[in-house]
Amino acid sequence: MSTKKNVFVDGAISPEKIAKSITNHQHKKNIGGHSIFLGQVREDLVGDKLVKAIEYSSHRELAEIKIHQIREDIFAKYPLVCLHIYHSVGTILAGELCFFVFTSSQHRKPAQDACDEIVERVKSEVPIWGKEIFYDDTHQWKTNN
């Protein structure tokens, strides 16, 4: 059973956090493959308005329980060495990173498959919401993260 971890990052996920996470795995010599997913806020055109940022919120307690269950399911299904999931809360500007999934295994295929499944499950099962903020300072709730 994996340990319950805090998956939320206040604000954008920094490239330095990602680099540090990768660096921290160099001493693990039983890893042959990593897979990384990085979610970035897009400057979408919605109607005639341009997205400036997304304000992410969550029911943290329920989200952490659900992500813990996803972690357990993924570790049971795939032969992973490591698995990390981070999601931003707060206002994330267009171009900034808001979602980081990092999987590692002895071989590349389990890491890739697990990473893909985690991304889809987090997006469909975890109570995280995004509110679009437009350059004209109006807001619109998104239906998914």
C-alpha atoms as a PDB file:
ATOM      1  CA  MET A   1       0.000   0.000   0.000  1.00  0.00           C
ATOM      2  CA  SER A   2       1.357   3.421  -0.916  1.00  0.00           C
ATOM      3  CA  THR A   3       1.473   6.295   1.518  1.00  0.00           C
ATOM      4  CA  LYS A   4      -1.073   9.087   1.243  1.00  0.00           C
ATOM      5  CA  LYS A   5       0.596  12.167  -0.232  1.00  0.00           C
ATOM      6  CA  ASN A   6      -0.338  15.810  -0.630  1.00  0.00           C
ATOM      7  CA  VAL A   7      -0.917  16.293  -4.339  1.00  0.00           C
ATOM      8  CA  PHE A   8      -1.860  19.957  -4.332  1.00  0.00           C
ATOM      9  CA  VAL A   9       0.518  22.782  -5.208  1.00  0.00           C
ATOM     10  CA  ASP A  10      -0.499  26.359  -4.441  1.00  0.00           C
ATOM     11  CA  GLY A  11      -0.023  28.231  -7.695  1.00  0.00           C
ATOM     12  CA  ALA A  12       1.695  27.063 -10.850  1.00  0.00           C
ATOM     13  CA  ILE A  13       3.943  24.000 -10.892  1.00  0.00           C
ATOM     14  CA  SER A  14       7.441  25.287 -11.509  1.00  0.00           C
ATOM     15  CA  PRO A  15       9.838  23.792 -14.051  1.00  0.00           C
ATOM     16  CA  GLU A  16      12.312  23.593 -11.156  1.00  0.00           C
ATOM     17  CA  LYS A  17       9.965  21.247  -9.256  1.00  0.00           C
ATOM     18  CA  ILE A  18       9.805  18.989 -12.302  1.00  0.00           C
ATOM     19  CA  ALA A  19      13.587  19.073 -12.790  1.00  0.00           C
ATOM     20  CA  LYS A  20      14.138  18.278  -9.106  1.00  0.00           C
ATOM     21  CA  SER A  21      11.734  15.345  -9.304  1.00  0.00           C
ATOM     22  CA  ILE A  22      13.613  13.931 -12.299  1.00  0.00           C
ATOM     23  CA  THR A  23      16.976  14.512 -10.620  1.00  0.00           C
ATOM     24  CA  ASN A  24      15.802  12.720  -7.464  1.00  0.00           C
ATOM     25  CA  HIS A  25      15.351   9.528  -9.480  1.00  0.00           C
ATOM     26  CA  GLN A  26      18.899   9.275 -10.838  1.00  0.00           C
ATOM     27  CA  HIS A  27      20.060   7.169  -7.885  1.00  0.00           C
ATOM     28  CA  LYS A  28      17.319   4.565  -8.509  1.00  0.00           C
ATOM     29  CA  LYS A  29      19.144   2.194 -10.819  1.00  0.00           C
ATOM     30  CA  ASN A  30      16.248  -0.257 -11.199  1.00  0.00           C
ATOM     31  CA  ILE A  31      14.348   2.266 -13.349  1.00  0.00           C
ATOM     32  CA  GLY A  32      14.593   1.932 -17.108  1.00  0.00           C
ATOM     33  CA  GLY A  33      11.749   4.189 -18.192  1.00  0.00           C
ATOM     34  CA  HIS A  34       9.927   7.328 -17.078  1.00  0.00           C
ATOM     35  CA  SER A  35       6.781   8.882 -18.437  1.00  0.00           C
ATOM     36  CA  ILE A  36       5.764  12.458 -17.743  1.00  0.00           C
ATOM     37  CA  PHE A  37       2.568  14.355 -18.454  1.00  0.00           C
ATOM     38  CA  LEU A  38       2.543  18.130 -18.072  1.00  0.00           C
ATOM     39  CA  GLY A  39      -0.762  19.996 -18.221  1.00  0.00           C
ATOM     40  CA  GLN A  40      -0.498  23.657 -19.184  1.00  0.00           C
ATOM     41  CA  VAL A  41      -3.150  26.375 -19.151  1.00  0.00           C
ATOM     42  CA  ARG A  42      -4.059  27.367 -22.694  1.00  0.00           C
ATOM     43  CA  GLU A  43      -4.873  30.893 -23.829  1.00  0.00           C
ATOM     44  CA  ASP A  44      -8.061  29.637 -25.504  1.00  0.00           C
ATOM     45  CA  LEU A  45     -10.488  31.793 -27.395  1.00  0.00           C
ATOM     46  CA  VAL A  46     -13.932  31.142 -25.907  1.00  0.00           C
ATOM     47  CA  GLY A  47     -16.534  32.904 -27.979  1.00  0.00           C
ATOM     48  CA  ASP A  48     -14.949  36.309 -28.440  1.00  0.00           C
ATOM     49  CA  LYS A  49     -13.003  36.241 -25.156  1.00  0.00           C
ATOM     50  CA  LEU A  50      -9.389  35.187 -24.583  1.00  0.00           C
ATOM     51  CA  VAL A  51      -8.507  33.102 -21.518  1.00  0.00           C
ATOM     52  CA  LYS A  52      -5.999  34.845 -19.259  1.00  0.00           C
ATOM     53  CA  ALA A  53      -5.872  32.210 -16.494  1.00  0.00           C
ATOM     54  CA  ILE A  54      -7.740  29.393 -14.822  1.00  0.00           C
ATOM     55  CA  GLU A  55      -8.607  29.492 -11.152  1.00  0.00           C
ATOM     56  CA  TYR A  56      -8.473  25.906  -9.843  1.00  0.00           C
ATOM     57  CA  SER A  57     -10.293  24.840  -6.719  1.00  0.00           C
ATOM     58  CA  SER A  58     -10.995  21.501  -5.164  1.00  0.00           C
ATOM     59  CA  HIS A  59     -12.743  19.687  -2.389  1.00  0.00           C
ATOM     60  CA  ARG A  60      -9.287  18.788  -1.053  1.00  0.00           C
ATOM     61  CA  GLU A  61     -10.258  16.073   1.402  1.00  0.00           C
ATOM     62  CA  LEU A  62     -12.330  14.158  -1.160  1.00  0.00           C
ATOM     63  CA  ALA A  63      -9.792  14.794  -3.917  1.00  0.00           C
ATOM     64  CA  GLU A  64      -6.924  13.454  -1.829  1.00  0.00           C
ATOM     65  CA  ILE A  65      -8.923  10.323  -0.950  1.00  0.00           C
ATOM     66  CA  LYS A  66      -9.762   9.761  -4.616  1.00  0.00           C
ATOM     67  CA  ILE A  67      -6.195  10.338  -5.801  1.00  0.00           C
ATOM     68  CA  HIS A  68      -4.927   7.974  -3.110  1.00  0.00           C
ATOM     69  CA  GLN A  69      -7.333   5.318  -4.446  1.00  0.00           C
ATOM     70  CA  ILE A  70      -6.158   5.947  -8.024  1.00  0.00           C
ATOM     71  CA  ARG A  71      -2.548   5.533  -6.832  1.00  0.00           C
ATOM     72  CA  GLU A  72      -3.427   2.239  -5.144  1.00  0.00           C
ATOM     73  CA  ASP A  73      -5.220   0.973  -8.265  1.00  0.00           C
ATOM     74  CA  ILE A  74      -2.328   1.962 -10.543  1.00  0.00           C
ATOM     75  CA  PHE A  75       0.324   0.375  -8.304  1.00  0.00           C
ATOM     76  CA  ALA A  76      -1.757  -2.836  -8.258  1.00  0.00           C
ATOM     77  CA  LYS A  77      -2.172  -2.836 -12.054  1.00  0.00           C
ATOM     78  CA  TYR A  78       1.304  -1.790 -13.245  1.00  0.00           C
ATOM     79  CA  PRO A  79       4.831  -2.759 -12.075  1.00  0.00           C
ATOM     80  CA  LEU A  80       5.882   0.782 -11.161  1.00  0.00           C
ATOM     81  CA  VAL A  81       8.861   1.855  -9.103  1.00  0.00           C
ATOM     82  CA  CYS A  82       7.570   5.425  -8.521  1.00  0.00           C
ATOM     83  CA  LEU A  83       4.442   7.449  -9.146  1.00  0.00           C
ATOM     84  CA  HIS A  84       3.940  11.162  -8.515  1.00  0.00           C
ATOM     85  CA  ILE A  85       0.817  13.270  -9.065  1.00  0.00           C
ATOM     86  CA  TYR A  86       0.604  17.038  -8.525  1.00  0.00           C
ATOM     87  CA  HIS A  87      -2.186  19.476  -9.391  1.00  0.00           C
ATOM     88  CA  SER A  88      -2.326  23.200  -8.913  1.00  0.00           C
ATOM     89  CA  VAL A  89      -4.904  25.108  -6.924  1.00  0.00           C
ATOM     90  CA  GLY A  90      -5.302  28.845  -7.191  1.00  0.00           C
ATOM     91  CA  THR A  91      -4.929  31.080 -10.214  1.00  0.00           C
ATOM     92  CA  ILE A  92      -2.671  29.724 -12.963  1.00  0.00           C
ATOM     93  CA  LEU A  93      -1.855  32.018 -15.880  1.00  0.00           C
ATOM     94  CA  ALA A  94      -1.988  30.904 -19.505  1.00  0.00           C
ATOM     95  CA  GLY A  95       1.320  29.242 -20.342  1.00  0.00           C
ATOM     96  CA  GLU A  96       1.934  28.025 -16.788  1.00  0.00           C
ATOM     97  CA  LEU A  97       1.877  24.372 -15.687  1.00  0.00           C
ATOM     98  CA  CYS A  98      -1.046  23.111 -13.611  1.00  0.00           C
ATOM     99  CA  PHE A  99      -0.834  19.279 -13.696  1.00  0.00           C
ATOM    100  CA  PHE A 100       2.216  17.001 -13.371  1.00  0.00           C
ATOM    101  CA  VAL A 101       2.175  13.206 -13.498  1.00  0.00           C
ATOM    102  CA  PHE A 102       5.470  11.283 -13.332  1.00  0.00           C
ATOM    103  CA  THR A 103       5.689   7.482 -13.473  1.00  0.00           C
ATOM    104  CA  SER A 104       8.755   5.242 -13.416  1.00  0.00           C
ATOM    105  CA  SER A 105       9.228   1.515 -14.012  1.00  0.00           C
ATOM    106  CA  GLN A 106      11.853  -0.997 -15.077  1.00  0.00           C
ATOM    107  CA  HIS A 107      10.573  -0.754 -18.659  1.00  0.00           C
ATOM    108  CA  ARG A 108       9.002   2.125 -20.582  1.00  0.00           C
ATOM    109  CA  LYS A 109       5.620   0.599 -21.512  1.00  0.00           C
ATOM    110  CA  PRO A 110       4.204   0.241 -17.977  1.00  0.00           C
ATOM    111  CA  ALA A 111       5.346   3.783 -17.156  1.00  0.00           C
ATOM    112  CA  GLN A 112       3.653   5.145 -20.301  1.00  0.00           C
ATOM    113  CA  ASP A 113       0.418   3.196 -19.848  1.00  0.00           C
ATOM    114  CA  ALA A 114       0.153   4.053 -16.161  1.00  0.00           C
ATOM    115  CA  CYS A 115       0.793   7.748 -16.818  1.00  0.00           C
ATOM    116  CA  ASP A 116      -1.931   7.882 -19.483  1.00  0.00           C
ATOM    117  CA  GLU A 117      -4.441   6.118 -17.232  1.00  0.00           C
ATOM    118  CA  ILE A 118      -3.683   8.386 -14.276  1.00  0.00           C
ATOM    119  CA  VAL A 119      -4.236  11.525 -16.358  1.00  0.00           C
ATOM    120  CA  GLU A 120      -7.590  10.284 -17.651  1.00  0.00           C
ATOM    121  CA  ARG A 121      -8.756   9.117 -14.229  1.00  0.00           C
ATOM    122  CA  VAL A 122      -7.766  12.311 -12.430  1.00  0.00           C
ATOM    123  CA  LYS A 123      -9.551  14.403 -15.043  1.00  0.00           C
ATOM    124  CA  SER A 124     -12.740  12.305 -14.880  1.00  0.00           C
ATOM    125  CA  GLU A 125     -12.908  11.228 -11.213  1.00  0.00           C
ATOM    126  CA  VAL A 126     -11.289  13.823  -8.956  1.00  0.00           C
ATOM    127  CA  PRO A 127     -13.227  16.872  -7.665  1.00  0.00           C
ATOM    128  CA  ILE A 128     -11.027  19.608  -9.120  1.00  0.00           C
ATOM    129  CA  TRP A 129     -12.688  22.514 -10.880  1.00  0.00           C
ATOM    130  CA  GLY A 130     -11.362  25.226 -13.132  1.00  0.00           C
ATOM    131  CA  LYS A 131     -12.883  28.673 -13.597  1.00  0.00           C
ATOM    132  CA  GLU A 132     -11.705  30.478 -16.702  1.00  0.00           C
ATOM    133  CA  ILE A 133     -10.633  34.070 -16.180  1.00  0.00           C
ATOM    134  CA  PHE A 134     -10.707  36.240 -19.259  1.00  0.00           C
ATOM    135  CA  TYR A 135      -8.651  39.311 -20.052  1.00  0.00           C
ATOM    136  CA  ASP A 136     -11.785  41.404 -19.597  1.00  0.00           C
ATOM    137  CA  ASP A 137     -11.940  40.044 -15.991  1.00  0.00           C
ATOM    138  CA  THR A 138     -15.118  37.998 -16.444  1.00  0.00           C
ATOM    139  CA  HIS A 139     -15.284  34.359 -15.342  1.00  0.00           C
ATOM    140  CA  GLN A 140     -16.757  31.164 -16.738  1.00  0.00           C
ATOM    141  CA  TRP A 141     -16.747  27.782 -15.008  1.00  0.00           C
ATOM    142  CA  LYS A 142     -15.258  24.935 -16.991  1.00  0.00           C
ATOM    143  CA  THR A 143     -16.933  21.541 -16.857  1.00  0.00           C
ATOM    144  CA  ASN A 144     -13.687  19.611 -16.307  1.00  0.00           C
ATOM    145  CA  ASN A 145     -10.087  20.277 -15.307  1.00  0.00           C
END
